């Protein structure tokens, strides 16, 4: 998915509007977030509250919002399918290599409030290590800390190689996180239903 309307909207103010790769990572984080938010919340987090001028379906901003929402819905549907999959929208370097900086930064921003819980849920599993290595691509203190950890590790070379090829495991990692999230949400829904039934019967 190219999301041309979003690219057009972003290009009008590239210094203040997140590029498509960061936005796509943020939406992927929204899909696996443990926070029960409506889709409009995540779109607004990227684009800001809808402007008063964006009243026509033909306006770029309106079409860009629809593209983001469609991307969010499709990503969720792909992860929930019998054959779960995820294909990120990644930047490409001049050398033809995938650059995960923007995507990872957006993804970690979306799951920031859940990060401690995800680290707990994935502790001792390969996916937990993959999530940590993915963090080495982010900008800011988190990325710096992750890169320092890798550099000081006895298997630094191996970890660096795995981190560089993180794009290869994104589908597996995110689909596994989505499955676990679904189990948690289902469990919470079941518990809430049982609690309501108990109160009704008492």
C-alpha atoms as a PDB file:
ATOM      1  CA  UNK A   1       0.000   0.000   0.000  1.00  0.00           C
ATOM      2  CA  UNK A   2       1.521   3.293  -1.101  1.00  0.00           C
ATOM      3  CA  UNK A   3      -0.817   5.671   0.795  1.00  0.00           C
ATOM      4  CA  UNK A   4      -0.358   8.470  -1.789  1.00  0.00           C
ATOM      5  CA  UNK A   5      -2.747  10.888  -0.091  1.00  0.00           C
ATOM      6  CA  UNK A   6      -0.912  10.569   3.203  1.00  0.00           C
ATOM      7  CA  UNK A   7       2.415  11.133   1.446  1.00  0.00           C
ATOM      8  CA  UNK A   8       0.965  14.238  -0.193  1.00  0.00           C
ATOM      9  CA  UNK A   9      -0.343  15.510   3.157  1.00  0.00           C
ATOM     10  CA  UNK A  10       2.999  14.857   4.857  1.00  0.00           C
ATOM     11  CA  UNK A  11       4.975  16.525   2.064  1.00  0.00           C
ATOM     12  CA  UNK A  12       3.121  19.799   2.660  1.00  0.00           C
ATOM     13  CA  UNK A  13       4.916  20.173   6.030  1.00  0.00           C
ATOM     14  CA  UNK A  14       7.650  17.513   6.199  1.00  0.00           C
ATOM     15  CA  UNK A  15       9.298  18.997   9.302  1.00  0.00           C
ATOM     16  CA  UNK A  16       6.194  18.688  11.469  1.00  0.00           C
ATOM     17  CA  UNK A  17       4.260  15.793   9.942  1.00  0.00           C
ATOM     18  CA  UNK A  18       5.554  12.223  10.444  1.00  0.00           C
ATOM     19  CA  UNK A  19       6.697  10.424   7.327  1.00  0.00           C
ATOM     20  CA  UNK A  20       4.883   7.356   6.100  1.00  0.00           C
ATOM     21  CA  UNK A  21       7.392   4.910   7.577  1.00  0.00           C
ATOM     22  CA  UNK A  22       7.045   6.296  11.090  1.00  0.00           C
ATOM     23  CA  UNK A  23       3.260   6.427  10.706  1.00  0.00           C
ATOM     24  CA  UNK A  24       3.157   2.810   9.549  1.00  0.00           C
ATOM     25  CA  UNK A  25       5.239   1.666  12.514  1.00  0.00           C
ATOM     26  CA  UNK A  26       2.929   3.604  14.831  1.00  0.00           C
ATOM     27  CA  UNK A  27      -0.125   1.899  13.332  1.00  0.00           C
ATOM     28  CA  UNK A  28       1.510  -1.508  13.747  1.00  0.00           C
ATOM     29  CA  UNK A  29       2.093  -0.650  17.396  1.00  0.00           C
ATOM     30  CA  UNK A  30      -1.543   0.399  17.672  1.00  0.00           C
ATOM     31  CA  UNK A  31      -2.679  -3.018  16.455  1.00  0.00           C
ATOM     32  CA  UNK A  32      -0.745  -4.842  19.180  1.00  0.00           C
ATOM     33  CA  UNK A  33      -1.284  -2.204  21.867  1.00  0.00           C
ATOM     34  CA  UNK A  34      -2.799  -3.432  25.111  1.00  0.00           C
ATOM     35  CA  UNK A  35      -4.632  -0.123  25.431  1.00  0.00           C
ATOM     36  CA  UNK A  36      -8.295  -0.369  24.268  1.00  0.00           C
ATOM     37  CA  UNK A  37      -8.441   2.708  22.038  1.00  0.00           C
ATOM     38  CA  UNK A  38     -10.678   3.388  19.013  1.00  0.00           C
ATOM     39  CA  UNK A  39      -9.002   3.582  15.622  1.00  0.00           C
ATOM     40  CA  UNK A  40      -9.711   7.313  15.475  1.00  0.00           C
ATOM     41  CA  UNK A  41      -7.468   7.786  18.524  1.00  0.00           C
ATOM     42  CA  UNK A  42      -4.451   6.364  16.692  1.00  0.00           C
ATOM     43  CA  UNK A  43      -5.126   8.322  13.501  1.00  0.00           C
ATOM     44  CA  UNK A  44      -5.491  11.543  15.505  1.00  0.00           C
ATOM     45  CA  UNK A  45      -2.210  10.770  17.295  1.00  0.00           C
ATOM     46  CA  UNK A  46      -0.481  10.828  13.909  1.00  0.00           C
ATOM     47  CA  UNK A  47      -2.318  13.651  12.166  1.00  0.00           C
ATOM     48  CA  UNK A  48      -3.715  15.673  15.050  1.00  0.00           C
ATOM     49  CA  UNK A  49      -7.436  16.337  15.578  1.00  0.00           C
ATOM     50  CA  UNK A  50      -9.267  16.733  12.302  1.00  0.00           C
ATOM     51  CA  UNK A  51      -9.203  20.342  11.171  1.00  0.00           C
ATOM     52  CA  UNK A  52     -12.357  22.375  10.686  1.00  0.00           C
ATOM     53  CA  UNK A  53     -11.412  22.860   7.038  1.00  0.00           C
ATOM     54  CA  UNK A  54     -11.329  19.127   6.303  1.00  0.00           C
ATOM     55  CA  UNK A  55     -15.046  18.788   5.630  1.00  0.00           C
ATOM     56  CA  UNK A  56     -14.938  17.626   2.022  1.00  0.00           C
ATOM     57  CA  UNK A  57     -14.275  13.995   1.132  1.00  0.00           C
ATOM     58  CA  UNK A  58     -12.080  15.288  -1.692  1.00  0.00           C
ATOM     59  CA  UNK A  59      -9.617  17.111   0.542  1.00  0.00           C
ATOM     60  CA  UNK A  60      -6.149  15.606   0.940  1.00  0.00           C
ATOM     61  CA  UNK A  61      -6.357  15.520   4.733  1.00  0.00           C
ATOM     62  CA  UNK A  62      -9.640  13.618   4.671  1.00  0.00           C
ATOM     63  CA  UNK A  63      -8.333  11.106   2.143  1.00  0.00           C
ATOM     64  CA  UNK A  64      -5.093  10.711   4.125  1.00  0.00           C
ATOM     65  CA  UNK A  65      -7.100   9.888   7.253  1.00  0.00           C
ATOM     66  CA  UNK A  66      -9.083   7.289   5.348  1.00  0.00           C
ATOM     67  CA  UNK A  67      -5.872   5.709   4.084  1.00  0.00           C
ATOM     68  CA  UNK A  68      -4.443   5.484   7.590  1.00  0.00           C
ATOM     69  CA  UNK A  69      -7.649   3.993   8.946  1.00  0.00           C
ATOM     70  CA  UNK A  70      -7.789   1.497   6.076  1.00  0.00           C
ATOM     71  CA  UNK A  71      -4.159   0.543   6.707  1.00  0.00           C
ATOM     72  CA  UNK A  72      -4.942  -0.002  10.395  1.00  0.00           C
ATOM     73  CA  UNK A  73      -7.989  -2.147   9.638  1.00  0.00           C
ATOM     74  CA  UNK A  74      -6.156  -4.186   6.987  1.00  0.00           C
ATOM     75  CA  UNK A  75      -3.122  -4.728   9.220  1.00  0.00           C
ATOM     76  CA  UNK A  76      -5.351  -6.018  12.004  1.00  0.00           C
ATOM     77  CA  UNK A  77      -7.243  -8.275   9.593  1.00  0.00           C
ATOM     78  CA  UNK A  78      -4.004  -9.723   8.184  1.00  0.00           C
ATOM     79  CA  UNK A  79      -2.702 -10.527  11.661  1.00  0.00           C
ATOM     80  CA  UNK A  80      -6.017 -12.117  12.654  1.00  0.00           C
ATOM     81  CA  UNK A  81      -6.295 -14.267   9.521  1.00  0.00           C
ATOM     82  CA  UNK A  82      -5.767 -18.068   9.516  1.00  0.00           C
ATOM     83  CA  UNK A  83      -2.438 -17.326   7.828  1.00  0.00           C
ATOM     84  CA  UNK A  84      -1.196 -14.370   9.948  1.00  0.00           C
ATOM     85  CA  UNK A  85       1.173 -11.988   8.185  1.00  0.00           C
ATOM     86  CA  UNK A  86       2.428  -8.446   8.265  1.00  0.00           C
ATOM     87  CA  UNK A  87       4.281  -6.430   5.621  1.00  0.00           C
ATOM     88  CA  UNK A  88       5.700  -3.129   6.914  1.00  0.00           C
ATOM     89  CA  UNK A  89       6.254   0.029   4.892  1.00  0.00           C
ATOM     90  CA  UNK A  90       9.983   0.610   5.350  1.00  0.00           C
ATOM     91  CA  UNK A  91      12.432   3.236   4.151  1.00  0.00           C
ATOM     92  CA  UNK A  92      15.247   2.103   1.878  1.00  0.00           C
ATOM     93  CA  UNK A  93      18.799   3.419   2.037  1.00  0.00           C
ATOM     94  CA  UNK A  94      20.846   4.529  -0.960  1.00  0.00           C
ATOM     95  CA  UNK A  95      22.533   1.120  -0.804  1.00  0.00           C
ATOM     96  CA  UNK A  96      19.207  -0.654  -1.194  1.00  0.00           C
ATOM     97  CA  UNK A  97      19.065  -1.802   2.434  1.00  0.00           C
ATOM     98  CA  UNK A  98      15.968  -1.476   4.606  1.00  0.00           C
ATOM     99  CA  UNK A  99      16.172   1.324   7.168  1.00  0.00           C
ATOM    100  CA  UNK A 100      14.020   0.573  10.220  1.00  0.00           C
ATOM    101  CA  UNK A 101      14.756   3.834  12.053  1.00  0.00           C
ATOM    102  CA  UNK A 102      11.451   5.607  11.373  1.00  0.00           C
ATOM    103  CA  UNK A 103       9.281   2.474  11.465  1.00  0.00           C
ATOM    104  CA  UNK A 104      10.754   1.268  14.773  1.00  0.00           C
ATOM    105  CA  UNK A 105      10.527   4.720  16.325  1.00  0.00           C
ATOM    106  CA  UNK A 106       6.834   4.911  15.474  1.00  0.00           C
ATOM    107  CA  UNK A 107       6.199   1.369  16.683  1.00  0.00           C
ATOM    108  CA  UNK A 108       7.882   1.925  20.040  1.00  0.00           C
ATOM    109  CA  UNK A 109       6.071   5.228  20.483  1.00  0.00           C
ATOM    110  CA  UNK A 110       2.717   3.453  20.100  1.00  0.00           C
ATOM    111  CA  UNK A 111       3.545   0.674  22.586  1.00  0.00           C
ATOM    112  CA  UNK A 112       5.479   2.877  25.042  1.00  0.00           C
ATOM    113  CA  UNK A 113       2.860   2.551  27.794  1.00  0.00           C
ATOM    114  CA  UNK A 114       2.782  -1.229  27.316  1.00  0.00           C
ATOM    115  CA  UNK A 115       6.507  -1.837  27.003  1.00  0.00           C
ATOM    116  CA  UNK A 116       7.080  -3.113  30.538  1.00  0.00           C
ATOM    117  CA  UNK A 117       4.143  -5.483  30.173  1.00  0.00           C
ATOM    118  CA  UNK A 118       5.369  -6.732  26.797  1.00  0.00           C
ATOM    119  CA  UNK A 119       8.816  -7.365  28.229  1.00  0.00           C
ATOM    120  CA  UNK A 120       7.156  -9.394  30.989  1.00  0.00           C
ATOM    121  CA  UNK A 121       4.879 -11.298  28.589  1.00  0.00           C
ATOM    122  CA  UNK A 122       7.739 -12.151  26.230  1.00  0.00           C
ATOM    123  CA  UNK A 123      10.386 -12.853  28.874  1.00  0.00           C
ATOM    124  CA  UNK A 124      12.350 -16.011  28.132  1.00  0.00           C
ATOM    125  CA  UNK A 125      10.996 -16.238  24.582  1.00  0.00           C
ATOM    126  CA  UNK A 126      12.860 -15.587  21.363  1.00  0.00           C
ATOM    127  CA  UNK A 127      10.338 -12.889  20.490  1.00  0.00           C
ATOM    128  CA  UNK A 128      11.306 -10.994  23.635  1.00  0.00           C
ATOM    129  CA  UNK A 129      14.880 -10.788  22.391  1.00  0.00           C
ATOM    130  CA  UNK A 130      13.713  -9.778  18.921  1.00  0.00           C
ATOM    131  CA  UNK A 131      11.604  -6.966  20.372  1.00  0.00           C
ATOM    132  CA  UNK A 132      14.614  -5.694  22.312  1.00  0.00           C
ATOM    133  CA  UNK A 133      16.844  -5.813  19.229  1.00  0.00           C
ATOM    134  CA  UNK A 134      14.207  -3.963  17.235  1.00  0.00           C
ATOM    135  CA  UNK A 135      14.556  -1.176  19.779  1.00  0.00           C
ATOM    136  CA  UNK A 136      18.152  -0.631  18.666  1.00  0.00           C
ATOM    137  CA  UNK A 137      16.796   1.001  15.502  1.00  0.00           C
ATOM    138  CA  UNK A 138      14.832   3.697  17.335  1.00  0.00           C
ATOM    139  CA  UNK A 139      15.980   7.270  17.770  1.00  0.00           C
ATOM    140  CA  UNK A 140      16.531   8.798  21.190  1.00  0.00           C
ATOM    141  CA  UNK A 141      17.576   7.373  24.544  1.00  0.00           C
ATOM    142  CA  UNK A 142      15.927   3.986  24.045  1.00  0.00           C
ATOM    143  CA  UNK A 143      17.789   3.313  20.840  1.00  0.00           C
ATOM    144  CA  UNK A 144      21.060   4.524  22.320  1.00  0.00           C
ATOM    145  CA  UNK A 145      20.641   2.254  25.353  1.00  0.00           C
ATOM    146  CA  UNK A 146      19.824  -0.747  23.170  1.00  0.00           C
ATOM    147  CA  UNK A 147      22.855  -0.131  20.963  1.00  0.00           C
ATOM    148  CA  UNK A 148      25.139   0.219  23.989  1.00  0.00           C
ATOM    149  CA  UNK A 149      23.799  -3.049  25.369  1.00  0.00           C
ATOM    150  CA  UNK A 150      24.472  -4.848  22.092  1.00  0.00           C
ATOM    151  CA  UNK A 151      27.984  -3.390  21.847  1.00  0.00           C
ATOM    152  CA  UNK A 152      28.852  -4.561  25.375  1.00  0.00           C
ATOM    153  CA  UNK A 153      27.379  -8.045  24.993  1.00  0.00           C
ATOM    154  CA  UNK A 154      29.756 -11.042  24.675  1.00  0.00           C
ATOM    155  CA  UNK A 155      27.958 -11.965  21.442  1.00  0.00           C
ATOM    156  CA  UNK A 156      27.882  -8.416  20.140  1.00  0.00           C
ATOM    157  CA  UNK A 157      28.667  -9.341  16.539  1.00  0.00           C
ATOM    158  CA  UNK A 158      25.883 -11.920  16.349  1.00  0.00           C
ATOM    159  CA  UNK A 159      23.373  -9.602  18.003  1.00  0.00           C
ATOM    160  CA  UNK A 160      24.351  -6.753  15.684  1.00  0.00           C
ATOM    161  CA  UNK A 161      23.765  -8.949  12.648  1.00  0.00           C
ATOM    162  CA  UNK A 162      20.367 -10.042  13.947  1.00  0.00           C
ATOM    163  CA  UNK A 163      19.455  -6.434  14.733  1.00  0.00           C
ATOM    164  CA  UNK A 164      20.428  -5.311  11.222  1.00  0.00           C
ATOM    165  CA  UNK A 165      18.114  -7.907   9.726  1.00  0.00           C
ATOM    166  CA  UNK A 166      15.212  -7.212  12.090  1.00  0.00           C
ATOM    167  CA  UNK A 167      12.951  -6.554   9.110  1.00  0.00           C
ATOM    168  CA  UNK A 168      13.066 -10.282   8.349  1.00  0.00           C
ATOM    169  CA  UNK A 169      11.315 -11.171  11.613  1.00  0.00           C
ATOM    170  CA  UNK A 170       8.809  -8.316  11.840  1.00  0.00           C
ATOM    171  CA  UNK A 171       5.936 -10.424  10.531  1.00  0.00           C
ATOM    172  CA  UNK A 172       6.586 -13.263  12.964  1.00  0.00           C
ATOM    173  CA  UNK A 173       7.125 -10.945  15.911  1.00  0.00           C
ATOM    174  CA  UNK A 174       4.074  -8.766  15.372  1.00  0.00           C
ATOM    175  CA  UNK A 175       1.736 -11.646  14.569  1.00  0.00           C
ATOM    176  CA  UNK A 176       2.854 -13.405  17.752  1.00  0.00           C
ATOM    177  CA  UNK A 177       2.282 -10.193  19.750  1.00  0.00           C
ATOM    178  CA  UNK A 178      -1.157  -9.772  18.187  1.00  0.00           C
ATOM    179  CA  UNK A 179      -2.090 -13.355  19.045  1.00  0.00           C
ATOM    180  CA  UNK A 180      -1.010 -12.867  22.662  1.00  0.00           C
ATOM    181  CA  UNK A 181      -2.858  -9.556  22.835  1.00  0.00           C
ATOM    182  CA  UNK A 182      -6.006 -11.228  21.531  1.00  0.00           C
ATOM    183  CA  UNK A 183      -5.724 -13.901  24.224  1.00  0.00           C
ATOM    184  CA  UNK A 184      -5.373 -11.233  26.906  1.00  0.00           C
ATOM    185  CA  UNK A 185      -8.329  -9.214  25.610  1.00  0.00           C
ATOM    186  CA  UNK A 186     -10.452 -12.363  25.300  1.00  0.00           C
ATOM    187  CA  UNK A 187      -9.534 -13.354  28.843  1.00  0.00           C
ATOM    188  CA  UNK A 188     -10.420  -9.911  30.180  1.00  0.00           C
ATOM    189  CA  UNK A 189     -13.732  -9.973  28.303  1.00  0.00           C
ATOM    190  CA  UNK A 190     -14.532 -13.419  29.677  1.00  0.00           C
ATOM    191  CA  UNK A 191     -13.641 -12.359  33.210  1.00  0.00           C
ATOM    192  CA  UNK A 192     -15.782  -9.227  32.915  1.00  0.00           C
ATOM    193  CA  UNK A 193     -18.704 -11.293  31.620  1.00  0.00           C
ATOM    194  CA  UNK A 194     -18.384 -13.790  34.456  1.00  0.00           C
ATOM    195  CA  UNK A 195     -18.215 -10.967  37.000  1.00  0.00           C
ATOM    196  CA  UNK A 196     -21.359  -9.382  35.553  1.00  0.00           C
ATOM    197  CA  UNK A 197     -23.150 -12.723  35.585  1.00  0.00           C
ATOM    198  CA  UNK A 198     -22.130 -13.279  39.211  1.00  0.00           C
ATOM    199  CA  UNK A 199     -23.444  -9.855  40.245  1.00  0.00           C
ATOM    200  CA  UNK A 200     -26.687 -10.458  38.376  1.00  0.00           C
ATOM    201  CA  UNK A 201     -27.188 -13.770  40.138  1.00  0.00           C
ATOM    202  CA  UNK A 202     -26.400 -12.488  43.606  1.00  0.00           C
END
